C-alpha atoms as a PDB file:
ATOM      1  CA  MET A   1      84.919 121.799  65.394  1.00  0.00           C
ATOM      2  CA  GLU A   2      83.314 120.679  68.613  1.00  0.00           C
ATOM      3  CA  GLU A   3      82.593 123.303  71.257  1.00  0.00           C
ATOM      4  CA  LEU A   4      84.717 123.354  74.398  1.00  0.00           C
ATOM      5  CA  GLN A   5      83.083 123.121  77.803  1.00  0.00           C
ATOM      6  CA  VAL A   6      84.632 124.037  81.139  1.00  0.00           C
ATOM      7  CA  TYR A   7      84.354 121.355  83.830  1.00  0.00           C
ATOM      8  CA  GLN A   8      85.310 121.287  87.463  1.00  0.00           C
ATOM      9  CA  VAL A   9      86.868 117.859  87.943  1.00  0.00           C
ATOM     10  CA  SER A  10      87.508 116.044  91.201  1.00  0.00           C
ATOM     11  CA  PRO A  11      88.481 112.436  91.945  1.00  0.00           C
ATOM     12  CA  LEU A  12      85.911 110.078  93.432  1.00  0.00           C
ATOM     13  CA  ASP A  13      88.546 108.439  95.668  1.00  0.00           C
ATOM     14  CA  ARG A  14      90.429 110.297  98.408  1.00  0.00           C
ATOM     15  CA  SER A  15      94.224 110.274  98.470  1.00  0.00           C
ATOM     16  CA  SER A  16      94.346 109.566  94.735  1.00  0.00           C
ATOM     17  CA  ILE A  17      96.148 112.718  93.539  1.00  0.00           C
ATOM     18  CA  TYR A  18      99.923 112.685  93.091  1.00  0.00           C
ATOM     19  CA  THR A  19     102.110 115.678  92.278  1.00  0.00           C
ATOM     20  CA  THR A  20     105.642 115.074  91.038  1.00  0.00           C
ATOM     21  CA  GLU A  21     108.039 118.008  91.134  1.00  0.00           C
ATOM     22  CA  HIS A  22     111.091 117.875  88.850  1.00  0.00           C
ATOM     23  CA  TRP A  23     114.131 119.436  90.562  1.00  0.00           C
ATOM     24  CA  THR A  24     117.305 119.897  88.480  1.00  0.00           C
ATOM     25  CA  ASN A  25     120.900 120.749  89.272  1.00  0.00           C
ATOM     26  CA  GLN A  26     124.338 120.415  87.732  1.00  0.00           C
ATOM     27  CA  LEU A  27     127.101 118.259  89.174  1.00  0.00           C
ATOM     28  CA  SER A  28     130.706 119.441  89.501  1.00  0.00           C
ATOM     29  CA  ASN A  29     131.564 117.513  86.305  1.00  0.00           C
ATOM     30  CA  GLY A  30     128.872 119.433  84.369  1.00  0.00           C
ATOM     31  CA  LYS A  31     126.422 116.534  84.204  1.00  0.00           C
ATOM     32  CA  SER A  32     122.771 117.464  84.743  1.00  0.00           C
ATOM     33  CA  VAL A  33     120.665 115.646  87.347  1.00  0.00           C
ATOM     34  CA  THR A  34     116.931 115.600  88.074  1.00  0.00           C
ATOM     35  CA  VAL A  35     115.311 114.546  91.334  1.00  0.00           C
ATOM     36  CA  LEU A  36     111.629 113.592  91.308  1.00  0.00           C
ATOM     37  CA  TYR A  37     109.763 114.555  94.478  1.00  0.00           C
ATOM     38  CA  THR A  38     106.277 113.034  94.681  1.00  0.00           C
ATOM     39  CA  LEU A  39     103.526 114.037  97.087  1.00  0.00           C
ATOM     40  CA  GLN A  40     100.354 112.051  97.623  1.00  0.00           C
ATOM     41  CA  CYS A  41      97.446 114.428  98.201  1.00  0.00           C
ATOM     42  CA  ASP A  42      94.229 113.915 100.098  1.00  0.00           C
ATOM     43  CA  ASP A  43      91.951 115.811  97.725  1.00  0.00           C
ATOM     44  CA  GLY A  44      91.880 118.330  94.908  1.00  0.00           C
ATOM     45  CA  VAL A  45      89.934 120.102  92.204  1.00  0.00           C
ATOM     46  CA  PHE A  46      90.964 120.750  88.613  1.00  0.00           C
ATOM     47  CA  GLN A  47      89.460 122.744  85.773  1.00  0.00           C
ATOM     48  CA  PHE A  48      89.328 121.100  82.345  1.00  0.00           C
ATOM     49  CA  GLU A  49      88.361 122.848  79.109  1.00  0.00           C
ATOM     50  CA  ILE A  50      87.423 119.940  76.854  1.00  0.00           C
ATOM     51  CA  THR A  51      84.934 118.704  74.278  1.00  0.00           C
ATOM     52  CA  ASP A  52      82.080 116.337  75.085  1.00  0.00           C
ATOM     53  CA  GLU A  53      83.986 113.560  73.325  1.00  0.00           C
ATOM     54  CA  GLU A  54      87.083 114.176  75.469  1.00  0.00           C
ATOM     55  CA  LYS A  55      84.914 114.188  78.594  1.00  0.00           C
ATOM     56  CA  GLU A  56      83.545 110.758  77.632  1.00  0.00           C
ATOM     57  CA  GLN A  57      87.115 109.483  77.177  1.00  0.00           C
ATOM     58  CA  LEU A  58      88.140 110.831  80.585  1.00  0.00           C
ATOM     59  CA  LEU A  59      85.105 109.312  82.313  1.00  0.00           C
ATOM     60  CA  GLN A  60      86.430 105.873  81.308  1.00  0.00           C
ATOM     61  CA  LYS A  61      89.906 106.433  82.757  1.00  0.00           C
ATOM     62  CA  ASP A  62      91.122 105.641  86.240  1.00  0.00           C
ATOM     63  CA  HIS A  63      94.486 107.344  85.637  1.00  0.00           C
ATOM     64  CA  ILE A  64      94.631 110.884  84.259  1.00  0.00           C
ATOM     65  CA  ILE A  65      97.785 112.923  83.741  1.00  0.00           C
ATOM     66  CA  VAL A  66      96.281 116.383  84.143  1.00  0.00           C
ATOM     67  CA  ASN A  67      99.176 118.048  82.278  1.00  0.00           C
ATOM     68  CA  ASP A  68      98.248 116.117  79.115  1.00  0.00           C
ATOM     69  CA  TRP A  69      94.921 117.970  78.856  1.00  0.00           C
ATOM     70  CA  ASN A  70      93.771 121.565  78.524  1.00  0.00           C
ATOM     71  CA  ALA A  71      93.495 121.759  82.306  1.00  0.00           C
ATOM     72  CA  SER A  72      94.607 123.724  85.341  1.00  0.00           C
ATOM     73  CA  VAL A  73      94.899 123.089  89.059  1.00  0.00           C
ATOM     74  CA  GLU A  74      92.259 124.809  91.167  1.00  0.00           C
ATOM     75  CA  GLU A  75      93.214 123.333  94.524  1.00  0.00           C
ATOM     76  CA  VAL A  76      95.230 120.439  95.932  1.00  0.00           C
ATOM     77  CA  GLU A  77      94.927 119.644  99.645  1.00  0.00           C
ATOM     78  CA  MET A  78      96.924 117.868 102.317  1.00  0.00           C
ATOM     79  CA  GLY A  79     100.004 116.508 100.585  1.00  0.00           C
ATOM     80  CA  TRP A  80     102.561 114.258 102.241  1.00  0.00           C
ATOM     81  CA  ASP A  81     105.886 112.836 101.123  1.00  0.00           C
ATOM     82  CA  PHE A  82     105.296 109.763  99.012  1.00  0.00           C
ATOM     83  CA  GLU A  83     108.784 109.334  97.561  1.00  0.00           C
ATOM     84  CA  HIS A  84     111.766 111.169  96.181  1.00  0.00           C
ATOM     85  CA  LYS A  85     114.240 109.593  93.822  1.00  0.00           C
ATOM     86  CA  ILE A  86     116.993 110.390  91.381  1.00  0.00           C
ATOM     87  CA  GLN A  87     115.708 110.176  87.815  1.00  0.00           C
ATOM     88  CA  ASN A  88     117.697 107.593  85.798  1.00  0.00           C
ATOM     89  CA  GLU A  89     119.818 106.821  88.870  1.00  0.00           C
ATOM     90  CA  GLU A  90     121.443 103.884  87.081  1.00  0.00           C
ATOM     91  CA  SER A  91     123.141 106.306  84.650  1.00  0.00           C
ATOM     92  CA  TYR A  92     125.278 107.871  87.418  1.00  0.00           C
ATOM     93  CA  THR A  93     128.516 106.594  88.922  1.00  0.00           C
ATOM     94  CA  VAL A  94     128.822 105.861  92.643  1.00  0.00           C
ATOM     95  CA  GLU A  95     130.772 109.127  93.059  1.00  0.00           C
ATOM     96  CA  GLU A  96     128.101 111.123  91.195  1.00  0.00           C
ATOM     97  CA  ILE A  97     125.329 109.617  93.344  1.00  0.00           C
ATOM     98  CA  GLU A  98     127.287 110.574  96.464  1.00  0.00           C
ATOM     99  CA  GLU A  99     127.560 114.159  95.169  1.00  0.00           C
ATOM    100  CA  ILE A 100     123.831 114.208  94.346  1.00  0.00           C
ATOM    101  CA  LYS A 101     122.983 113.059  97.872  1.00  0.00           C
ATOM    102  CA  GLN A 102     125.252 115.756  99.303  1.00  0.00           C
ATOM    103  CA  LEU A 103     123.401 118.345  97.212  1.00  0.00           C
ATOM    104  CA  MET A 104     120.051 116.938  98.364  1.00  0.00           C
ATOM    105  CA  TYR A 105     120.673 116.535 102.086  1.00  0.00           C
ATOM    106  CA  VAL A 106     123.620 118.676 103.252  1.00  0.00           C
ATOM    107  CA  CYS A 107     123.738 122.466 103.497  1.00  0.00           C
ATOM    108  CA  ASN A 108     125.947 124.868 105.476  1.00  0.00           C
ATOM    109  CA  GLY A 109     127.140 122.101 107.766  1.00  0.00           C
ATOM    110  CA  TYR A 110     123.621 120.805 108.419  1.00  0.00           C
ATOM    111  CA  ASP A 111     123.229 117.138 107.509  1.00  0.00           C
ATOM    112  CA  ASN A 112     119.642 115.955 107.037  1.00  0.00           C
ATOM    113  CA  GLU A 113     120.402 112.485 108.397  1.00  0.00           C
ATOM    114  CA  ASP A 114     116.833 111.260 107.872  1.00  0.00           C
ATOM    115  CA  ASN A 115     117.222 111.914 104.130  1.00  0.00           C
ATOM    116  CA  ASP A 116     113.848 113.666 104.080  1.00  0.00           C
ATOM    117  CA  PHE A 117     113.098 116.004 101.211  1.00  0.00           C
ATOM    118  CA  ASN A 118     113.792 119.580 102.324  1.00  0.00           C
ATOM    119  CA  GLN A 119     112.937 122.366  99.885  1.00  0.00           C
ATOM    120  CA  ASP A 120     115.124 124.901 101.735  1.00  0.00           C
ATOM    121  CA  ILE A 121     118.203 122.681 101.376  1.00  0.00           C
ATOM    122  CA  MET A 122     117.415 122.054  97.708  1.00  0.00           C
ATOM    123  CA  GLU A 123     117.100 125.773  96.960  1.00  0.00           C
ATOM    124  CA  GLU A 124     120.191 126.671  99.012  1.00  0.00           C
ATOM    125  CA  ASN A 125     122.176 124.094  96.978  1.00  0.00           C
ATOM    126  CA  ASN A 126     121.027 125.629  93.653  1.00  0.00           C
ATOM    127  CA  TRP A 127     118.361 123.101  92.725  1.00  0.00           C
ATOM    128  CA  SER A 128     115.555 124.567  90.628  1.00  0.00           C
ATOM    129  CA  MET A 129     112.065 123.169  90.261  1.00  0.00           C
ATOM    130  CA  ASN A 130     111.357 123.047  86.523  1.00  0.00           C
ATOM    131  CA  ASP A 131     108.044 121.226  86.289  1.00  0.00           C
ATOM    132  CA  THR A 132     105.222 119.701  88.299  1.00  0.00           C
ATOM    133  CA  ILE A 133     103.183 116.787  86.946  1.00  0.00           C
ATOM    134  CA  TYR A 134      99.687 116.238  88.352  1.00  0.00           C
ATOM    135  CA  GLU A 135      98.141 112.763  88.191  1.00  0.00           C
ATOM    136  CA  ILE A 136      94.799 111.404  89.339  1.00  0.00           C
ATOM    137  CA  TYR A 137      94.531 107.660  90.076  1.00  0.00           C
ATOM    138  CA  SER A 138      90.746 107.460  90.331  1.00  0.00           C
ATOM    139  CA  LYS A 139      87.568 107.813  88.360  1.00  0.00           C
ATOM    140  CA  CYS A 140      86.434 111.444  88.444  1.00  0.00           C
ATOM    141  CA  GLU A 141      83.271 113.472  88.598  1.00  0.00           C
ATOM    142  CA  PHE A 142      82.759 116.290  86.117  1.00  0.00           C
ATOM    143  CA  GLU A 143      80.668 119.356  86.924  1.00  0.00           C
ATOM    144  CA  CYS A 144      79.929 121.588  83.926  1.00  0.00           C
ATOM    145  CA  MET A 145      80.828 125.219  84.664  1.00  0.00           C
ATOM    146  CA  SER A 146      80.020 126.766  81.247  1.00  0.00           C
END
């Protein structure tokens, strides 16, 4: 078995890191819904514990899903709203989509008319964030830490 090495990994291109949060809730009819909230981030650093062979594979990629590897997030900087969307939106009726939008944008009489993502409204309306996917759309540099 090949020995694992610890690498500090950072993208070569700025603004190439995307984080996608998975927010879930349940509609009044019992149907589950997930909203994907994606941030584009200016910069970041990750820690990968991988073999030399895996490192060579990763050096060839210009798209890495960090969650697919033995890796952790060290730091992600300066994120801004890239997009938010209903996962599998086509599987919901018009009425269900209206309810989803109410749960996303309206809380205690406050209507977020700009339809911006607002974590406080999501949490107040019983949304829970279940997962965050980290992706790098760039070649990366690897600095051996072990």
